[in-house]
Amino acid sequence: MNTRDFIITKILELSRKKYPDAAIYLYGSRARGDAKPLSDWDLLILLNSKNIHFALETKI
C-alpha cells in the first residue's frame, strides 16, 4: 500500500468510527492522481444535518 492509499484508508476508518453514516468524497488533484508533494487533501464530508449540533458543525 502506498502512502496515498494509507492516508485515505486511515481517514475513512477514523471518520466511519465517529460518523458511521457519513458520505466522504475525495476530490481535486489527489483524486485525479496529479497532486504535487505539497498538495492539500480536498475532502467533502456529508452528514445527516438533522442530527448535528451547531458546536459539532463548527468543530468539523
PDB file of N, CA and C in Angstrom:
ATOM      1  N   MET A   1       0.854  -1.179   0.000  1.00  0.00           N
ATOM      2  CA  MET A   1       0.000   0.000   0.000  1.00  0.00           C
ATOM      3  C   MET A   1       0.895   1.235   0.000  1.00  0.00           C
ATOM      4  N   ASN A   2       0.634   2.153  -0.927  1.00  0.00           N
ATOM      5  CA  ASN A   2       1.436   3.370  -0.969  1.00  0.00           C
ATOM      6  C   ASN A   2       0.923   4.392   0.053  1.00  0.00           C
ATOM      7  N   THR A   3       1.647   5.481   0.209  1.00  0.00           N
ATOM      8  CA  THR A   3       1.309   6.494   1.215  1.00  0.00           C
ATOM      9  C   THR A   3      -0.075   7.088   0.985  1.00  0.00           C
ATOM     10  N   ARG A   4      -0.416   7.381  -0.261  1.00  0.00           N
ATOM     11  CA  ARG A   4      -1.725   7.964  -0.584  1.00  0.00           C
ATOM     12  C   ARG A   4      -2.843   7.026  -0.149  1.00  0.00           C
ATOM     13  N   ASP A   5      -2.728   5.764  -0.501  1.00  0.00           N
ATOM     14  CA  ASP A   5      -3.760   4.789  -0.132  1.00  0.00           C
ATOM     15  C   ASP A   5      -3.851   4.613   1.382  1.00  0.00           C
ATOM     16  N   PHE A   6      -2.704   4.639   2.057  1.00  0.00           N
ATOM     17  CA  PHE A   6      -2.681   4.516   3.514  1.00  0.00           C
ATOM     18  C   PHE A   6      -3.426   5.685   4.160  1.00  0.00           C
ATOM     19  N   ILE A   7      -3.155   6.897   3.693  1.00  0.00           N
ATOM     20  CA  ILE A   7      -3.802   8.083   4.257  1.00  0.00           C
ATOM     21  C   ILE A   7      -5.306   8.035   4.017  1.00  0.00           C
ATOM     22  N   ILE A   8      -5.710   7.688   2.817  1.00  0.00           N
ATOM     23  CA  ILE A   8      -7.143   7.596   2.512  1.00  0.00           C
ATOM     24  C   ILE A   8      -7.815   6.550   3.392  1.00  0.00           C
ATOM     25  N   THR A   9      -7.175   5.402   3.551  1.00  0.00           N
ATOM     26  CA  THR A   9      -7.731   4.337   4.392  1.00  0.00           C
ATOM     27  C   THR A   9      -7.893   4.804   5.829  1.00  0.00           C
ATOM     28  N   LYS A  10      -6.900   5.486   6.372  1.00  0.00           N
ATOM     29  CA  LYS A  10      -6.967   5.978   7.750  1.00  0.00           C
ATOM     30  C   LYS A  10      -8.067   7.029   7.918  1.00  0.00           C
ATOM     31  N   ILE A  11      -8.174   7.940   6.963  1.00  0.00           N
ATOM     32  CA  ILE A  11      -9.232   8.953   7.026  1.00  0.00           C
ATOM     33  C   ILE A  11     -10.595   8.280   7.052  1.00  0.00           C
ATOM     34  N   LEU A  12     -10.794   7.301   6.184  1.00  0.00           N
ATOM     35  CA  LEU A  12     -12.073   6.593   6.135  1.00  0.00           C
ATOM     36  C   LEU A  12     -12.345   5.831   7.428  1.00  0.00           C
ATOM     37  N   GLU A  13     -11.332   5.133   7.946  1.00  0.00           N
ATOM     38  CA  GLU A  13     -11.503   4.373   9.195  1.00  0.00           C
ATOM     39  C   GLU A  13     -11.917   5.287  10.346  1.00  0.00           C
ATOM     40  N   LEU A  14     -11.187   6.372  10.533  1.00  0.00           N
ATOM     41  CA  LEU A  14     -11.468   7.285  11.642  1.00  0.00           C
ATOM     42  C   LEU A  14     -12.818   7.974  11.474  1.00  0.00           C
ATOM     43  N   SER A  15     -13.126   8.369  10.266  1.00  0.00           N
ATOM     44  CA  SER A  15     -14.405   9.032  10.010  1.00  0.00           C
ATOM     45  C   SER A  15     -15.572   8.089  10.236  1.00  0.00           C
ATOM     46  N   ARG A  16     -15.440   6.866   9.788  1.00  0.00           N
ATOM     47  CA  ARG A  16     -16.523   5.885   9.944  1.00  0.00           C
ATOM     48  C   ARG A  16     -16.759   5.530  11.418  1.00  0.00           C
ATOM     49  N   LYS A  17     -15.701   5.538  12.217  1.00  0.00           N
ATOM     50  CA  LYS A  17     -15.869   5.280  13.658  1.00  0.00           C
ATOM     51  C   LYS A  17     -16.692   6.387  14.305  1.00  0.00           C
ATOM     52  N   LYS A  18     -16.358   7.619  13.977  1.00  0.00           N
ATOM     53  CA  LYS A  18     -17.010   8.772  14.596  1.00  0.00           C
ATOM     54  C   LYS A  18     -18.372   9.074  13.968  1.00  0.00           C
ATOM     55  N   TYR A  19     -18.465   8.947  12.650  1.00  0.00           N
ATOM     56  CA  TYR A  19     -19.685   9.285  11.908  1.00  0.00           C
ATOM     57  C   TYR A  19     -20.011   8.155  10.926  1.00  0.00           C
ATOM     58  N   PRO A  20     -20.585   7.064  11.412  1.00  0.00           N
ATOM     59  CA  PRO A  20     -20.797   5.884  10.558  1.00  0.00           C
ATOM     60  C   PRO A  20     -21.704   6.117   9.353  1.00  0.00           C
ATOM     61  N   ASP A  21     -22.573   7.107   9.406  1.00  0.00           N
ATOM     62  CA  ASP A  21     -23.485   7.361   8.289  1.00  0.00           C
ATOM     63  C   ASP A  21     -22.964   8.419   7.313  1.00  0.00           C
ATOM     64  N   ALA A  22     -21.764   8.886   7.531  1.00  0.00           N
ATOM     65  CA  ALA A  22     -21.222   9.953   6.690  1.00  0.00           C
ATOM     66  C   ALA A  22     -20.870   9.440   5.296  1.00  0.00           C
ATOM     67  N   ALA A  23     -21.041  10.322   4.327  1.00  0.00           N
ATOM     68  CA  ALA A  23     -20.557  10.072   2.969  1.00  0.00           C
ATOM     69  C   ALA A  23     -19.302  10.923   2.807  1.00  0.00           C
ATOM     70  N   ILE A  24     -18.202  10.305   2.414  1.00  0.00           N
ATOM     71  CA  ILE A  24     -16.921  11.000   2.341  1.00  0.00           C
ATOM     72  C   ILE A  24     -16.394  10.915   0.913  1.00  0.00           C
ATOM     73  N   TYR A  25     -16.075  12.083   0.359  1.00  0.00           N
ATOM     74  CA  TYR A  25     -15.600  12.147  -1.021  1.00  0.00           C
ATOM     75  C   TYR A  25     -14.252  12.852  -1.072  1.00  0.00           C
ATOM     76  N   LEU A  26     -13.326  12.275  -1.801  1.00  0.00           N
ATOM     77  CA  LEU A  26     -12.046  12.899  -2.096  1.00  0.00           C
ATOM     78  C   LEU A  26     -12.166  13.505  -3.492  1.00  0.00           C
ATOM     79  N   TYR A  27     -11.774  14.771  -3.624  1.00  0.00           N
ATOM     80  CA  TYR A  27     -11.829  15.412  -4.935  1.00  0.00           C
ATOM     81  C   TYR A  27     -10.578  16.248  -5.131  1.00  0.00           C
ATOM     82  N   GLY A  28     -10.423  16.827  -6.277  1.00  0.00           N
ATOM     83  CA  GLY A  28      -9.266  17.664  -6.552  1.00  0.00           C
ATOM     84  C   GLY A  28      -8.094  16.862  -7.084  1.00  0.00           C
ATOM     85  N   SER A  29      -6.913  17.433  -6.962  1.00  0.00           N
ATOM     86  CA  SER A  29      -5.717  16.836  -7.567  1.00  0.00           C
ATOM     87  C   SER A  29      -5.381  15.457  -7.002  1.00  0.00           C
ATOM     88  N   ARG A  30      -5.637  15.236  -5.725  1.00  0.00           N
ATOM     89  CA  ARG A  30      -5.347  13.913  -5.150  1.00  0.00           C
ATOM     90  C   ARG A  30      -6.282  12.852  -5.726  1.00  0.00           C
ATOM     91  N   ALA A  31      -7.526  13.198  -5.936  1.00  0.00           N
ATOM     92  CA  ALA A  31      -8.479  12.252  -6.526  1.00  0.00           C
ATOM     93  C   ALA A  31      -8.134  11.978  -7.993  1.00  0.00           C
ATOM     94  N   ARG A  32      -7.681  13.006  -8.686  1.00  0.00           N
ATOM     95  CA  ARG A  32      -7.327  12.848 -10.100  1.00  0.00           C
ATOM     96  C   ARG A  32      -6.004  12.121 -10.279  1.00  0.00           C
ATOM     97  N   GLY A  33      -5.166  12.144  -9.233  1.00  0.00           N
ATOM     98  CA  GLY A  33      -3.863  11.493  -9.327  1.00  0.00           C
ATOM     99  C   GLY A  33      -2.761  12.382  -9.863  1.00  0.00           C
ATOM    100  N   ASP A  34      -3.001  13.691  -9.918  1.00  0.00           N
ATOM    101  CA  ASP A  34      -1.968  14.597 -10.415  1.00  0.00           C
ATOM    102  C   ASP A  34      -1.493  15.580  -9.336  1.00  0.00           C
ATOM    103  N   ALA A  35      -1.559  15.159  -8.085  1.00  0.00           N
ATOM    104  CA  ALA A  35      -1.144  16.006  -6.957  1.00  0.00           C
ATOM    105  C   ALA A  35       0.374  16.142  -6.913  1.00  0.00           C
ATOM    106  N   LYS A  36       0.798  17.266  -6.422  1.00  0.00           N
ATOM    107  CA  LYS A  36       2.217  17.526  -6.162  1.00  0.00           C
ATOM    108  C   LYS A  36       2.512  17.123  -4.714  1.00  0.00           C
ATOM    109  N   PRO A  37       3.779  17.008  -4.324  1.00  0.00           N
ATOM    110  CA  PRO A  37       4.094  16.598  -2.945  1.00  0.00           C
ATOM    111  C   PRO A  37       3.453  17.471  -1.864  1.00  0.00           C
ATOM    112  N   LEU A  38       3.269  18.754  -2.120  1.00  0.00           N
ATOM    113  CA  LEU A  38       2.698  19.648  -1.110  1.00  0.00           C
ATOM    114  C   LEU A  38       1.213  19.943  -1.337  1.00  0.00           C
ATOM    115  N   SER A  39       0.575  19.202  -2.220  1.00  0.00           N
ATOM    116  CA  SER A  39      -0.854  19.421  -2.476  1.00  0.00           C
ATOM    117  C   SER A  39      -1.676  19.089  -1.244  1.00  0.00           C
ATOM    118  N   ASP A  40      -2.759  19.830  -1.077  1.00  0.00           N
ATOM    119  CA  ASP A  40      -3.641  19.575   0.061  1.00  0.00           C
ATOM    120  C   ASP A  40      -4.591  18.421  -0.257  1.00  0.00           C
ATOM    121  N   TRP A  41      -5.368  18.050   0.746  1.00  0.00           N
ATOM    122  CA  TRP A  41      -6.365  16.983   0.606  1.00  0.00           C
ATOM    123  C   TRP A  41      -7.737  17.638   0.620  1.00  0.00           C
ATOM    124  N   ASP A  42      -8.454  17.516  -0.479  1.00  0.00           N
ATOM    125  CA  ASP A  42      -9.792  18.090  -0.590  1.00  0.00           C
ATOM    126  C   ASP A  42     -10.808  17.004  -0.273  1.00  0.00           C
ATOM    127  N   LEU A  43     -11.502  17.165   0.848  1.00  0.00           N
ATOM    128  CA  LEU A  43     -12.493  16.186   1.286  1.00  0.00           C
ATOM    129  C   LEU A  43     -13.847  16.855   1.450  1.00  0.00           C
ATOM    130  N   LEU A  44     -14.869  16.169   0.997  1.00  0.00           N
ATOM    131  CA  LEU A  44     -16.242  16.590   1.231  1.00  0.00           C
ATOM    132  C   LEU A  44     -16.855  15.533   2.133  1.00  0.00           C
ATOM    133  N   ILE A  45     -17.328  15.962   3.301  1.00  0.00           N
ATOM    134  CA  ILE A  45     -17.935  15.036   4.254  1.00  0.00           C
ATOM    135  C   ILE A  45     -19.384  15.457   4.450  1.00  0.00           C
ATOM    136  N   LEU A  46     -20.294  14.573   4.076  1.00  0.00           N
ATOM    137  CA  LEU A  46     -21.724  14.854   4.195  1.00  0.00           C
ATOM    138  C   LEU A  46     -22.288  14.084   5.376  1.00  0.00           C
ATOM    139  N   LEU A  47     -22.915  14.832   6.291  1.00  0.00           N
ATOM    140  CA  LEU A  47     -23.523  14.244   7.479  1.00  0.00           C
ATOM    141  C   LEU A  47     -25.016  14.530   7.469  1.00  0.00           C
ATOM    142  N   ASN A  48     -25.762  13.769   8.223  1.00  0.00           N
ATOM    143  CA  ASN A  48     -27.194  13.996   8.367  1.00  0.00           C
ATOM    144  C   ASN A  48     -27.386  15.250   9.211  1.00  0.00           C
ATOM    145  N   SER A  49     -27.763  16.340   8.585  1.00  0.00           N
ATOM    146  CA  SER A  49     -27.837  17.628   9.279  1.00  0.00           C
ATOM    147  C   SER A  49     -28.897  17.666  10.376  1.00  0.00           C
ATOM    148  N   LYS A  50     -29.859  16.780  10.352  1.00  0.00           N
ATOM    149  CA  LYS A  50     -30.884  16.757  11.393  1.00  0.00           C
ATOM    150  C   LYS A  50     -30.301  16.368  12.748  1.00  0.00           C
ATOM    151  N   ASN A  51     -29.184  15.675  12.727  1.00  0.00           N
ATOM    152  CA  ASN A  51     -28.603  15.166  13.968  1.00  0.00           C
ATOM    153  C   ASN A  51     -27.326  15.881  14.380  1.00  0.00           C
ATOM    154  N   ILE A  52     -27.033  17.006  13.775  1.00  0.00           N
ATOM    155  CA  ILE A  52     -25.786  17.704  14.072  1.00  0.00           C
ATOM    156  C   ILE A  52     -26.066  18.966  14.874  1.00  0.00           C
ATOM    157  N   HIS A  53     -25.405  19.080  15.967  1.00  0.00           N
ATOM    158  CA  HIS A  53     -25.483  20.266  16.808  1.00  0.00           C
ATOM    159  C   HIS A  53     -24.544  21.326  16.227  1.00  0.00           C
ATOM    160  N   PHE A  54     -24.878  22.604  16.387  1.00  0.00           N
ATOM    161  CA  PHE A  54     -24.072  23.687  15.827  1.00  0.00           C
ATOM    162  C   PHE A  54     -22.612  23.608  16.271  1.00  0.00           C
ATOM    163  N   ALA A  55     -22.358  23.274  17.515  1.00  0.00           N
ATOM    164  CA  ALA A  55     -20.977  23.184  18.009  1.00  0.00           C
ATOM    165  C   ALA A  55     -20.201  22.124  17.240  1.00  0.00           C
ATOM    166  N   LEU A  56     -20.846  21.043  16.893  1.00  0.00           N
ATOM    167  CA  LEU A  56     -20.190  19.994  16.123  1.00  0.00           C
ATOM    168  C   LEU A  56     -19.903  20.481  14.710  1.00  0.00           C
ATOM    169  N   GLU A  57     -20.837  21.210  14.110  1.00  0.00           N
ATOM    170  CA  GLU A  57     -20.613  21.762  12.776  1.00  0.00           C
ATOM    171  C   GLU A  57     -19.379  22.655  12.775  1.00  0.00           C
ATOM    172  N   THR A  58     -19.233  23.470  13.792  1.00  0.00           N
ATOM    173  CA  THR A  58     -18.089  24.363  13.898  1.00  0.00           C
ATOM    174  C   THR A  58     -16.801  23.570  14.056  1.00  0.00           C
ATOM    175  N   LYS A  59     -16.844  22.521  14.846  1.00  0.00           N
ATOM    176  CA  LYS A  59     -15.664  21.686  15.078  1.00  0.00           C
ATOM    177  C   LYS A  59     -15.213  21.005  13.798  1.00  0.00           C
ATOM    178  N   ILE A  60     -16.167  20.567  13.006  1.00  0.00           N
ATOM    179  CA  ILE A  60     -15.846  19.872  11.761  1.00  0.00           C
ATOM    180  C   ILE A  60     -15.204  20.848  10.806  1.00  0.00           C
TER     181      ILE A  60
END
